[in-house]
């Protein structure tokens, strides 16, 4: 089991800080690249730029809760929800193993 997690690309868990403007205020958010990639994917599916998507999400949370506590954590959890709802019946690592086995046969 640890083999699956230990052998993921290092780029996926390297973090990157990005600056953005939300509600007229400049801020920066530090997330791992896997999360940035997922947020960019979500934004594209919504037909928005990443900046527009993050602003829209921030505003919706603000409208719903009256405040936005720990936006970076909210973004990580949003990515997890998105990935879990889009998970396929056969996990990616099983398909990769099958491809390796097919090539070796």
PDB file of N, CA and C in Angstrom:
ATOM      1  N   UNK A   1       0.820  -1.198   0.000  1.00  0.00           N
ATOM      2  CA  UNK A   1       0.000   0.000   0.000  1.00  0.00           C
ATOM      3  C   UNK A   1       0.864   1.262   0.000  1.00  0.00           C
ATOM      4  N   UNK A   2       1.897   1.287   0.824  1.00  0.00           N
ATOM      5  CA  UNK A   2       2.752   2.474   0.874  1.00  0.00           C
ATOM      6  C   UNK A   2       3.461   2.700  -0.451  1.00  0.00           C
ATOM      7  N   UNK A   3       3.715   1.624  -1.190  1.00  0.00           N
ATOM      8  CA  UNK A   3       4.348   1.727  -2.502  1.00  0.00           C
ATOM      9  C   UNK A   3       3.555   2.681  -3.390  1.00  0.00           C
ATOM     10  N   UNK A   4       2.247   2.563  -3.350  1.00  0.00           N
ATOM     11  CA  UNK A   4       1.374   3.418  -4.148  1.00  0.00           C
ATOM     12  C   UNK A   4       1.587   4.889  -3.816  1.00  0.00           C
ATOM     13  N   UNK A   5       1.672   5.215  -2.551  1.00  0.00           N
ATOM     14  CA  UNK A   5       1.815   6.599  -2.126  1.00  0.00           C
ATOM     15  C   UNK A   5       3.249   7.098  -2.231  1.00  0.00           C
ATOM     16  N   UNK A   6       4.208   6.260  -1.935  1.00  0.00           N
ATOM     17  CA  UNK A   6       5.608   6.664  -1.908  1.00  0.00           C
ATOM     18  C   UNK A   6       6.161   6.952  -3.299  1.00  0.00           C
ATOM     19  N   UNK A   7       5.592   6.327  -4.315  1.00  0.00           N
ATOM     20  CA  UNK A   7       6.138   6.464  -5.666  1.00  0.00           C
ATOM     21  C   UNK A   7       5.422   7.499  -6.525  1.00  0.00           C
ATOM     22  N   UNK A   8       4.613   8.328  -5.899  1.00  0.00           N
ATOM     23  CA  UNK A   8       3.971   9.391  -6.680  1.00  0.00           C
ATOM     24  C   UNK A   8       5.014  10.431  -7.083  1.00  0.00           C
ATOM     25  N   UNK A   9       4.774  11.123  -8.187  1.00  0.00           N
ATOM     26  CA  UNK A   9       5.745  12.138  -8.625  1.00  0.00           C
ATOM     27  C   UNK A   9       5.930  13.228  -7.562  1.00  0.00           C
ATOM     28  N   UNK A  10       7.178  13.605  -7.321  1.00  0.00           N
ATOM     29  CA  UNK A  10       7.460  14.630  -6.317  1.00  0.00           C
ATOM     30  C   UNK A  10       6.815  15.954  -6.671  1.00  0.00           C
ATOM     31  N   UNK A  11       6.663  16.246  -7.949  1.00  0.00           N
ATOM     32  CA  UNK A  11       6.034  17.492  -8.380  1.00  0.00           C
ATOM     33  C   UNK A  11       4.631  17.623  -7.787  1.00  0.00           C
ATOM     34  N   UNK A  12       3.925  16.515  -7.634  1.00  0.00           N
ATOM     35  CA  UNK A  12       2.563  16.553  -7.137  1.00  0.00           C
ATOM     36  C   UNK A  12       2.456  17.104  -5.715  1.00  0.00           C
ATOM     37  N   UNK A  13       3.465  16.869  -4.896  1.00  0.00           N
ATOM     38  CA  UNK A  13       3.371  17.352  -3.516  1.00  0.00           C
ATOM     39  C   UNK A  13       4.316  18.514  -3.206  1.00  0.00           C
ATOM     40  N   UNK A  14       4.989  19.012  -4.233  1.00  0.00           N
ATOM     41  CA  UNK A  14       5.727  20.261  -4.054  1.00  0.00           C
ATOM     42  C   UNK A  14       4.704  21.389  -3.958  1.00  0.00           C
ATOM     43  N   UNK A  15       4.975  22.343  -3.101  1.00  0.00           N
ATOM     44  CA  UNK A  15       4.008  23.424  -2.946  1.00  0.00           C
ATOM     45  C   UNK A  15       4.428  24.651  -3.737  1.00  0.00           C
ATOM     46  N   UNK A  16       3.425  25.450  -4.057  1.00  0.00           N
ATOM     47  CA  UNK A  16       3.647  26.674  -4.804  1.00  0.00           C
ATOM     48  C   UNK A  16       2.751  27.754  -4.221  1.00  0.00           C
ATOM     49  N   UNK A  17       3.298  28.929  -4.061  1.00  0.00           N
ATOM     50  CA  UNK A  17       2.522  30.068  -3.586  1.00  0.00           C
ATOM     51  C   UNK A  17       2.116  30.906  -4.788  1.00  0.00           C
ATOM     52  N   UNK A  18       0.832  31.213  -4.852  1.00  0.00           N
ATOM     53  CA  UNK A  18       0.332  32.062  -5.933  1.00  0.00           C
ATOM     54  C   UNK A  18      -0.353  33.277  -5.315  1.00  0.00           C
ATOM     55  N   UNK A  19      -0.156  34.411  -5.945  1.00  0.00           N
ATOM     56  CA  UNK A  19      -0.791  35.651  -5.492  1.00  0.00           C
ATOM     57  C   UNK A  19      -2.037  35.894  -6.309  1.00  0.00           C
ATOM     58  N   UNK A  20      -3.070  36.382  -5.644  1.00  0.00           N
ATOM     59  CA  UNK A  20      -4.305  36.720  -6.336  1.00  0.00           C
ATOM     60  C   UNK A  20      -5.016  37.836  -5.605  1.00  0.00           C
ATOM     61  N   UNK A  21      -5.982  38.403  -6.292  1.00  0.00           N
ATOM     62  CA  UNK A  21      -6.779  39.495  -5.741  1.00  0.00           C
ATOM     63  C   UNK A  21      -8.204  38.981  -5.562  1.00  0.00           C
ATOM     64  N   UNK A  22      -8.693  39.032  -4.330  1.00  0.00           N
ATOM     65  CA  UNK A  22     -10.065  38.618  -4.025  1.00  0.00           C
ATOM     66  C   UNK A  22     -10.744  39.767  -3.310  1.00  0.00           C
ATOM     67  N   UNK A  23     -11.867  40.182  -3.858  1.00  0.00           N
ATOM     68  CA  UNK A  23     -12.602  41.280  -3.247  1.00  0.00           C
ATOM     69  C   UNK A  23     -11.790  42.551  -3.124  1.00  0.00           C
ATOM     70  N   UNK A  24     -10.903  42.794  -4.082  1.00  0.00           N
ATOM     71  CA  UNK A  24     -10.089  44.001  -4.064  1.00  0.00           C
ATOM     72  C   UNK A  24      -8.867  43.920  -3.171  1.00  0.00           C
ATOM     73  N   UNK A  25      -8.674  42.791  -2.516  1.00  0.00           N
ATOM     74  CA  UNK A  25      -7.530  42.620  -1.616  1.00  0.00           C
ATOM     75  C   UNK A  25      -6.552  41.611  -2.197  1.00  0.00           C
ATOM     76  N   UNK A  26      -5.276  41.946  -2.151  1.00  0.00           N
ATOM     77  CA  UNK A  26      -4.240  41.015  -2.601  1.00  0.00           C
ATOM     78  C   UNK A  26      -3.958  40.011  -1.495  1.00  0.00           C
ATOM     79  N   UNK A  27      -3.817  38.768  -1.881  1.00  0.00           N
ATOM     80  CA  UNK A  27      -3.492  37.715  -0.932  1.00  0.00           C
ATOM     81  C   UNK A  27      -2.650  36.675  -1.641  1.00  0.00           C
ATOM     82  N   UNK A  28      -2.092  35.762  -0.904  1.00  0.00           N
ATOM     83  CA  UNK A  28      -1.353  34.664  -1.504  1.00  0.00           C
ATOM     84  C   UNK A  28      -1.825  33.366  -0.869  1.00  0.00           C
ATOM     85  N   UNK A  29      -1.790  32.326  -1.670  1.00  0.00           N
ATOM     86  CA  UNK A  29      -2.231  31.004  -1.220  1.00  0.00           C
ATOM     87  C   UNK A  29      -1.145  30.010  -1.584  1.00  0.00           C
ATOM     88  N   UNK A  30      -0.791  29.180  -0.626  1.00  0.00           N
ATOM     89  CA  UNK A  30       0.226  28.142  -0.843  1.00  0.00           C
ATOM     90  C   UNK A  30      -0.462  26.787  -0.822  1.00  0.00           C
ATOM     91  N   UNK A  31      -0.366  26.081  -1.953  1.00  0.00           N
ATOM     92  CA  UNK A  31      -0.949  24.741  -2.080  1.00  0.00           C
ATOM     93  C   UNK A  31       0.034  23.831  -2.803  1.00  0.00           C
ATOM     94  N   UNK A  32      -0.152  22.552  -2.630  1.00  0.00           N
ATOM     95  CA  UNK A  32       0.620  21.575  -3.372  1.00  0.00           C
ATOM     96  C   UNK A  32       0.167  21.593  -4.834  1.00  0.00           C
ATOM     97  N   UNK A  33       1.067  21.239  -5.733  1.00  0.00           N
ATOM     98  CA  UNK A  33       0.784  21.299  -7.170  1.00  0.00           C
ATOM     99  C   UNK A  33      -0.405  20.434  -7.567  1.00  0.00           C
ATOM    100  N   UNK A  34      -0.607  19.313  -6.901  1.00  0.00           N
ATOM    101  CA  UNK A  34      -1.779  18.477  -7.208  1.00  0.00           C
ATOM    102  C   UNK A  34      -3.070  19.261  -7.013  1.00  0.00           C
ATOM    103  N   UNK A  35      -3.107  20.078  -5.978  1.00  0.00           N
ATOM    104  CA  UNK A  35      -4.312  20.873  -5.725  1.00  0.00           C
ATOM    105  C   UNK A  35      -4.453  21.985  -6.765  1.00  0.00           C
ATOM    106  N   UNK A  36      -3.340  22.637  -7.125  1.00  0.00           N
ATOM    107  CA  UNK A  36      -3.425  23.671  -8.163  1.00  0.00           C
ATOM    108  C   UNK A  36      -3.915  23.070  -9.477  1.00  0.00           C
ATOM    109  N   UNK A  37      -3.395  21.893  -9.810  1.00  0.00           N
ATOM    110  CA  UNK A  37      -3.821  21.219 -11.041  1.00  0.00           C
ATOM    111  C   UNK A  37      -5.317  20.921 -11.016  1.00  0.00           C
ATOM    112  N   UNK A  38      -5.799  20.436  -9.883  1.00  0.00           N
ATOM    113  CA  UNK A  38      -7.220  20.108  -9.754  1.00  0.00           C
ATOM    114  C   UNK A  38      -8.073  21.362  -9.828  1.00  0.00           C
ATOM    115  N   UNK A  39      -7.650  22.433  -9.176  1.00  0.00           N
ATOM    116  CA  UNK A  39      -8.405  23.687  -9.235  1.00  0.00           C
ATOM    117  C   UNK A  39      -8.461  24.236 -10.660  1.00  0.00           C
ATOM    118  N   UNK A  40      -7.361  24.122 -11.384  1.00  0.00           N
ATOM    119  CA  UNK A  40      -7.361  24.568 -12.777  1.00  0.00           C
ATOM    120  C   UNK A  40      -8.323  23.723 -13.617  1.00  0.00           C
ATOM    121  N   UNK A  41      -8.375  22.434 -13.334  1.00  0.00           N
ATOM    122  CA  UNK A  41      -9.300  21.543 -14.041  1.00  0.00           C
ATOM    123  C   UNK A  41     -10.753  21.923 -13.746  1.00  0.00           C
ATOM    124  N   UNK A  42     -11.053  22.165 -12.481  1.00  0.00           N
ATOM    125  CA  UNK A  42     -12.418  22.562 -12.093  1.00  0.00           C
ATOM    126  C   UNK A  42     -12.789  23.875 -12.781  1.00  0.00           C
ATOM    127  N   UNK A  43     -11.897  24.841 -12.725  1.00  0.00           N
ATOM    128  CA  UNK A  43     -12.157  26.148 -13.342  1.00  0.00           C
ATOM    129  C   UNK A  43     -12.430  25.994 -14.832  1.00  0.00           C
ATOM    130  N   UNK A  44     -11.640  25.179 -15.500  1.00  0.00           N
ATOM    131  CA  UNK A  44     -11.827  24.972 -16.938  1.00  0.00           C
ATOM    132  C   UNK A  44     -13.194  24.344 -17.219  1.00  0.00           C
ATOM    133  N   UNK A  45     -13.586  23.380 -16.395  1.00  0.00           N
ATOM    134  CA  UNK A  45     -14.899  22.751 -16.578  1.00  0.00           C
ATOM    135  C   UNK A  45     -16.032  23.736 -16.348  1.00  0.00           C
ATOM    136  N   UNK A  46     -15.784  24.729 -15.509  1.00  0.00           N
ATOM    137  CA  UNK A  46     -16.778  25.762 -15.235  1.00  0.00           C
ATOM    138  C   UNK A  46     -16.712  26.898 -16.261  1.00  0.00           C
ATOM    139  N   UNK A  47     -15.743  26.820 -17.170  1.00  0.00           N
ATOM    140  CA  UNK A  47     -15.591  27.851 -18.193  1.00  0.00           C
ATOM    141  C   UNK A  47     -15.053  29.165 -17.654  1.00  0.00           C
ATOM    142  N   UNK A  48     -14.211  29.065 -16.624  1.00  0.00           N
ATOM    143  CA  UNK A  48     -13.654  30.257 -15.989  1.00  0.00           C
ATOM    144  C   UNK A  48     -12.142  30.153 -15.920  1.00  0.00           C
ATOM    145  N   UNK A  49     -11.508  31.303 -15.769  1.00  0.00           N
ATOM    146  CA  UNK A  49     -10.089  31.291 -15.434  1.00  0.00           C
ATOM    147  C   UNK A  49      -9.977  30.841 -13.975  1.00  0.00           C
ATOM    148  N   UNK A  50      -8.784  30.440 -13.589  1.00  0.00           N
ATOM    149  CA  UNK A  50      -8.583  30.035 -12.198  1.00  0.00           C
ATOM    150  C   UNK A  50      -8.883  31.192 -11.251  1.00  0.00           C
ATOM    151  N   UNK A  51      -8.414  32.385 -11.587  1.00  0.00           N
ATOM    152  CA  UNK A  51      -8.649  33.553 -10.734  1.00  0.00           C
ATOM    153  C   UNK A  51     -10.140  33.827 -10.561  1.00  0.00           C
ATOM    154  N   UNK A  52     -10.889  33.748 -11.645  1.00  0.00           N
ATOM    155  CA  UNK A  52     -12.333  33.981 -11.588  1.00  0.00           C
ATOM    156  C   UNK A  52     -13.016  32.901 -10.756  1.00  0.00           C
ATOM    157  N   UNK A  53     -12.607  31.652 -10.937  1.00  0.00           N
ATOM    158  CA  UNK A  53     -13.190  30.556 -10.157  1.00  0.00           C
ATOM    159  C   UNK A  53     -12.934  30.742  -8.659  1.00  0.00           C
ATOM    160  N   UNK A  54     -11.701  31.067  -8.298  1.00  0.00           N
ATOM    161  CA  UNK A  54     -11.374  31.245  -6.878  1.00  0.00           C
ATOM    162  C   UNK A  54     -12.145  32.416  -6.278  1.00  0.00           C
ATOM    163  N   UNK A  55     -12.283  33.488  -7.033  1.00  0.00           N
ATOM    164  CA  UNK A  55     -13.061  34.637  -6.561  1.00  0.00           C
ATOM    165  C   UNK A  55     -14.525  34.262  -6.383  1.00  0.00           C
ATOM    166  N   UNK A  56     -15.075  33.528  -7.350  1.00  0.00           N
ATOM    167  CA  UNK A  56     -16.476  33.098  -7.274  1.00  0.00           C
ATOM    168  C   UNK A  56     -16.696  32.189  -6.075  1.00  0.00           C
ATOM    169  N   UNK A  57     -15.807  31.227  -5.875  1.00  0.00           N
ATOM    170  CA  UNK A  57     -15.926  30.319  -4.735  1.00  0.00           C
ATOM    171  C   UNK A  57     -15.829  31.094  -3.422  1.00  0.00           C
ATOM    172  N   UNK A  58     -14.872  31.989  -3.327  1.00  0.00           N
ATOM    173  CA  UNK A  58     -14.700  32.804  -2.121  1.00  0.00           C
ATOM    174  C   UNK A  58     -15.972  33.591  -1.820  1.00  0.00           C
ATOM    175  N   UNK A  59     -16.537  34.218  -2.844  1.00  0.00           N
ATOM    176  CA  UNK A  59     -17.757  35.015  -2.660  1.00  0.00           C
ATOM    177  C   UNK A  59     -18.946  34.164  -2.249  1.00  0.00           C
ATOM    178  N   UNK A  60     -19.059  32.964  -2.825  1.00  0.00           N
ATOM    179  CA  UNK A  60     -20.162  32.077  -2.458  1.00  0.00           C
ATOM    180  C   UNK A  60     -20.046  31.613  -1.009  1.00  0.00           C
ATOM    181  N   UNK A  61     -18.827  31.301  -0.581  1.00  0.00           N
ATOM    182  CA  UNK A  61     -18.620  30.896   0.819  1.00  0.00           C
ATOM    183  C   UNK A  61     -18.928  32.075   1.743  1.00  0.00           C
ATOM    184  N   UNK A  62     -18.491  33.251   1.364  1.00  0.00           N
ATOM    185  CA  UNK A  62     -18.758  34.455   2.145  1.00  0.00           C
ATOM    186  C   UNK A  62     -20.267  34.693   2.269  1.00  0.00           C
ATOM    187  N   UNK A  63     -20.989  34.554   1.166  1.00  0.00           N
ATOM    188  CA  UNK A  63     -22.448  34.720   1.187  1.00  0.00           C
ATOM    189  C   UNK A  63     -23.123  33.667   2.065  1.00  0.00           C
ATOM    190  N   UNK A  64     -22.624  32.450   2.006  1.00  0.00           N
ATOM    191  CA  UNK A  64     -23.258  31.348   2.736  1.00  0.00           C
ATOM    192  C   UNK A  64     -22.921  31.351   4.232  1.00  0.00           C
ATOM    193  N   UNK A  65     -21.654  31.617   4.561  1.00  0.00           N
ATOM    194  CA  UNK A  65     -21.209  31.518   5.960  1.00  0.00           C
ATOM    195  C   UNK A  65     -20.949  32.869   6.625  1.00  0.00           C
ATOM    196  N   UNK A  66     -20.867  33.939   5.847  1.00  0.00           N
ATOM    197  CA  UNK A  66     -20.599  35.248   6.421  1.00  0.00           C
ATOM    198  C   UNK A  66     -19.135  35.546   6.621  1.00  0.00           C
ATOM    199  N   UNK A  67     -18.286  34.543   6.492  1.00  0.00           N
ATOM    200  CA  UNK A  67     -16.847  34.705   6.600  1.00  0.00           C
ATOM    201  C   UNK A  67     -16.180  33.517   5.902  1.00  0.00           C
ATOM    202  N   UNK A  68     -14.919  33.689   5.600  1.00  0.00           N
ATOM    203  CA  UNK A  68     -14.160  32.610   4.968  1.00  0.00           C
ATOM    204  C   UNK A  68     -12.953  32.322   5.848  1.00  0.00           C
ATOM    205  N   UNK A  69     -13.047  31.264   6.619  1.00  0.00           N
ATOM    206  CA  UNK A  69     -11.930  30.853   7.467  1.00  0.00           C
ATOM    207  C   UNK A  69     -11.060  29.867   6.704  1.00  0.00           C
ATOM    208  N   UNK A  70      -9.768  30.098   6.677  1.00  0.00           N
ATOM    209  CA  UNK A  70      -8.782  29.196   6.097  1.00  0.00           C
ATOM    210  C   UNK A  70      -9.147  28.796   4.666  1.00  0.00           C
ATOM    211  N   UNK A  71      -9.036  29.742   3.763  1.00  0.00           N
ATOM    212  CA  UNK A  71      -9.398  29.532   2.369  1.00  0.00           C
ATOM    213  C   UNK A  71      -8.568  28.421   1.727  1.00  0.00           C
ATOM    214  N   UNK A  72      -7.302  28.316   2.085  1.00  0.00           N
ATOM    215  CA  UNK A  72      -6.454  27.262   1.523  1.00  0.00           C
ATOM    216  C   UNK A  72      -6.990  25.881   1.884  1.00  0.00           C
ATOM    217  N   UNK A  73      -7.426  25.700   3.124  1.00  0.00           N
ATOM    218  CA  UNK A  73      -7.998  24.417   3.530  1.00  0.00           C
ATOM    219  C   UNK A  73      -9.316  24.149   2.809  1.00  0.00           C
ATOM    220  N   UNK A  74     -10.106  25.197   2.628  1.00  0.00           N
ATOM    221  CA  UNK A  74     -11.349  25.065   1.869  1.00  0.00           C
ATOM    222  C   UNK A  74     -11.039  24.589   0.448  1.00  0.00           C
ATOM    223  N   UNK A  75      -9.999  25.134  -0.162  1.00  0.00           N
ATOM    224  CA  UNK A  75      -9.630  24.738  -1.518  1.00  0.00           C
ATOM    225  C   UNK A  75      -9.184  23.281  -1.562  1.00  0.00           C
ATOM    226  N   UNK A  76      -8.388  22.858  -0.592  1.00  0.00           N
ATOM    227  CA  UNK A  76      -7.951  21.456  -0.544  1.00  0.00           C
ATOM    228  C   UNK A  76      -9.150  20.521  -0.407  1.00  0.00           C
ATOM    229  N   UNK A  77     -10.046  20.850   0.494  1.00  0.00           N
ATOM    230  CA  UNK A  77     -11.239  20.010   0.688  1.00  0.00           C
ATOM    231  C   UNK A  77     -12.122  20.013  -0.556  1.00  0.00           C
ATOM    232  N   UNK A  78     -12.216  21.145  -1.230  1.00  0.00           N
ATOM    233  CA  UNK A  78     -12.990  21.220  -2.471  1.00  0.00           C
ATOM    234  C   UNK A  78     -12.405  20.287  -3.520  1.00  0.00           C
ATOM    235  N   UNK A  79     -11.082  20.241  -3.595  1.00  0.00           N
ATOM    236  CA  UNK A  79     -10.421  19.333  -4.542  1.00  0.00           C
ATOM    237  C   UNK A  79     -10.711  17.878  -4.199  1.00  0.00           C
ATOM    238  N   UNK A  80     -10.676  17.549  -2.919  1.00  0.00           N
ATOM    239  CA  UNK A  80     -10.973  16.178  -2.497  1.00  0.00           C
ATOM    240  C   UNK A  80     -12.404  15.795  -2.845  1.00  0.00           C
ATOM    241  N   UNK A  81     -13.334  16.694  -2.617  1.00  0.00           N
ATOM    242  CA  UNK A  81     -14.738  16.437  -2.958  1.00  0.00           C
ATOM    243  C   UNK A  81     -14.869  16.240  -4.463  1.00  0.00           C
ATOM    244  N   UNK A  82     -14.258  17.109  -5.233  1.00  0.00           N
ATOM    245  CA  UNK A  82     -14.311  17.020  -6.694  1.00  0.00           C
ATOM    246  C   UNK A  82     -13.755  15.692  -7.173  1.00  0.00           C
ATOM    247  N   UNK A  83     -12.588  15.309  -6.675  1.00  0.00           N
ATOM    248  CA  UNK A  83     -11.965  14.046  -7.086  1.00  0.00           C
ATOM    249  C   UNK A  83     -12.798  12.836  -6.655  1.00  0.00           C
ATOM    250  N   UNK A  84     -13.353  12.874  -5.460  1.00  0.00           N
ATOM    251  CA  UNK A  84     -14.132  11.721  -4.997  1.00  0.00           C
ATOM    252  C   UNK A  84     -15.411  11.557  -5.803  1.00  0.00           C
ATOM    253  N   UNK A  85     -15.996  12.642  -6.239  1.00  0.00           N
ATOM    254  CA  UNK A  85     -17.220  12.564  -7.044  1.00  0.00           C
ATOM    255  C   UNK A  85     -16.933  12.168  -8.485  1.00  0.00           C
ATOM    256  N   UNK A  86     -15.700  12.346  -8.925  1.00  0.00           N
ATOM    257  CA  UNK A  86     -15.332  11.999 -10.294  1.00  0.00           C
ATOM    258  C   UNK A  86     -14.484  10.731 -10.369  1.00  0.00           C
ATOM    259  N   UNK A  87     -14.401  10.009  -9.247  1.00  0.00           N
ATOM    260  CA  UNK A  87     -13.613   8.777  -9.225  1.00  0.00           C
ATOM    261  C   UNK A  87     -14.276   7.735 -10.120  1.00  0.00           C
ATOM    262  N   UNK A  88     -13.465   7.007 -10.836  1.00  0.00           N
ATOM    263  CA  UNK A  88     -13.985   5.949 -11.693  1.00  0.00           C
ATOM    264  C   UNK A  88     -14.024   4.646 -10.910  1.00  0.00           C
ATOM    265  N   UNK A  89     -14.747   3.676 -11.418  1.00  0.00           N
ATOM    266  CA  UNK A  89     -14.900   2.394 -10.721  1.00  0.00           C
ATOM    267  C   UNK A  89     -13.556   1.693 -10.541  1.00  0.00           C
ATOM    268  N   UNK A  90     -12.661   1.814 -11.520  1.00  0.00           N
ATOM    269  CA  UNK A  90     -11.347   1.192 -11.424  1.00  0.00           C
ATOM    270  C   UNK A  90     -10.327   2.274 -11.110  1.00  0.00           C
ATOM    271  N   UNK A  91      -9.709   2.223  -9.932  1.00  0.00           N
ATOM    272  CA  UNK A  91      -8.735   3.259  -9.572  1.00  0.00           C
ATOM    273  C   UNK A  91      -7.591   3.330 -10.573  1.00  0.00           C
ATOM    274  N   UNK A  92      -7.016   4.509 -10.719  1.00  0.00           N
ATOM    275  CA  UNK A  92      -5.951   4.767 -11.684  1.00  0.00           C
ATOM    276  C   UNK A  92      -4.771   3.820 -11.499  1.00  0.00           C
ATOM    277  N   UNK A  93      -4.379   3.528 -10.270  1.00  0.00           N
ATOM    278  CA  UNK A  93      -3.202   2.709 -10.050  1.00  0.00           C
ATOM    279  C   UNK A  93      -3.410   1.285 -10.542  1.00  0.00           C
ATOM    280  N   UNK A  94      -4.634   0.764 -10.536  1.00  0.00           N
ATOM    281  CA  UNK A  94      -4.890  -0.570 -11.061  1.00  0.00           C
ATOM    282  C   UNK A  94      -4.767  -0.578 -12.579  1.00  0.00           C
ATOM    283  N   UNK A  95      -5.246   0.464 -13.233  1.00  0.00           N
ATOM    284  CA  UNK A  95      -5.133   0.541 -14.682  1.00  0.00           C
ATOM    285  C   UNK A  95      -3.671   0.629 -15.093  1.00  0.00           C
ATOM    286  N   UNK A  96      -2.870   1.372 -14.350  1.00  0.00           N
ATOM    287  CA  UNK A  96      -1.439   1.480 -14.676  1.00  0.00           C
ATOM    288  C   UNK A  96      -0.747   0.140 -14.500  1.00  0.00           C
ATOM    289  N   UNK A  97      -1.081  -0.577 -13.437  1.00  0.00           N
ATOM    290  CA  UNK A  97      -0.473  -1.889 -13.220  1.00  0.00           C
ATOM    291  C   UNK A  97      -0.858  -2.842 -14.341  1.00  0.00           C
ATOM    292  N   UNK A  98      -2.117  -2.781 -14.776  1.00  0.00           N
ATOM    293  CA  UNK A  98      -2.566  -3.643 -15.871  1.00  0.00           C
ATOM    294  C   UNK A  98      -1.800  -3.324 -17.158  1.00  0.00           C
ATOM    295  N   UNK A  99      -1.557  -2.066 -17.411  1.00  0.00           N
ATOM    296  CA  UNK A  99      -0.814  -1.669 -18.615  1.00  0.00           C
ATOM    297  C   UNK A  99       0.619  -2.187 -18.540  1.00  0.00           C
ATOM    298  N   UNK A 100       1.203  -2.155 -17.372  1.00  0.00           N
ATOM    299  CA  UNK A 100       2.565  -2.661 -17.203  1.00  0.00           C
ATOM    300  C   UNK A 100       2.587  -4.162 -17.414  1.00  0.00           C
ATOM    301  N   UNK A 101       1.596  -4.853 -16.858  1.00  0.00           N
ATOM    302  CA  UNK A 101       1.543  -6.305 -17.033  1.00  0.00           C
ATOM    303  C   UNK A 101       1.328  -6.664 -18.496  1.00  0.00           C
ATOM    304  N   UNK A 102       0.454  -5.956 -19.178  1.00  0.00           N
ATOM    305  CA  UNK A 102       0.201  -6.236 -20.596  1.00  0.00           C
ATOM    306  C   UNK A 102       1.465  -6.052 -21.415  1.00  0.00           C
ATOM    307  N   UNK A 103       2.238  -5.035 -21.113  1.00  0.00           N
ATOM    308  CA  UNK A 103       3.457  -4.762 -21.863  1.00  0.00           C
ATOM    309  C   UNK A 103       4.513  -5.829 -21.600  1.00  0.00           C
ATOM    310  N   UNK A 104       4.491  -6.400 -20.418  1.00  0.00           N
ATOM    311  CA  UNK A 104       5.499  -7.396 -20.056  1.00  0.00           C
ATOM    312  C   UNK A 104       5.166  -8.771 -20.620  1.00  0.00           C
ATOM    313  N   UNK A 105       3.933  -9.016 -20.941  1.00  0.00           N
ATOM    314  CA  UNK A 105       3.517 -10.348 -21.420  1.00  0.00           C
ATOM    315  C   UNK A 105       3.926 -10.619 -22.830  1.00  0.00           C
TER     316      UNK A 105
END
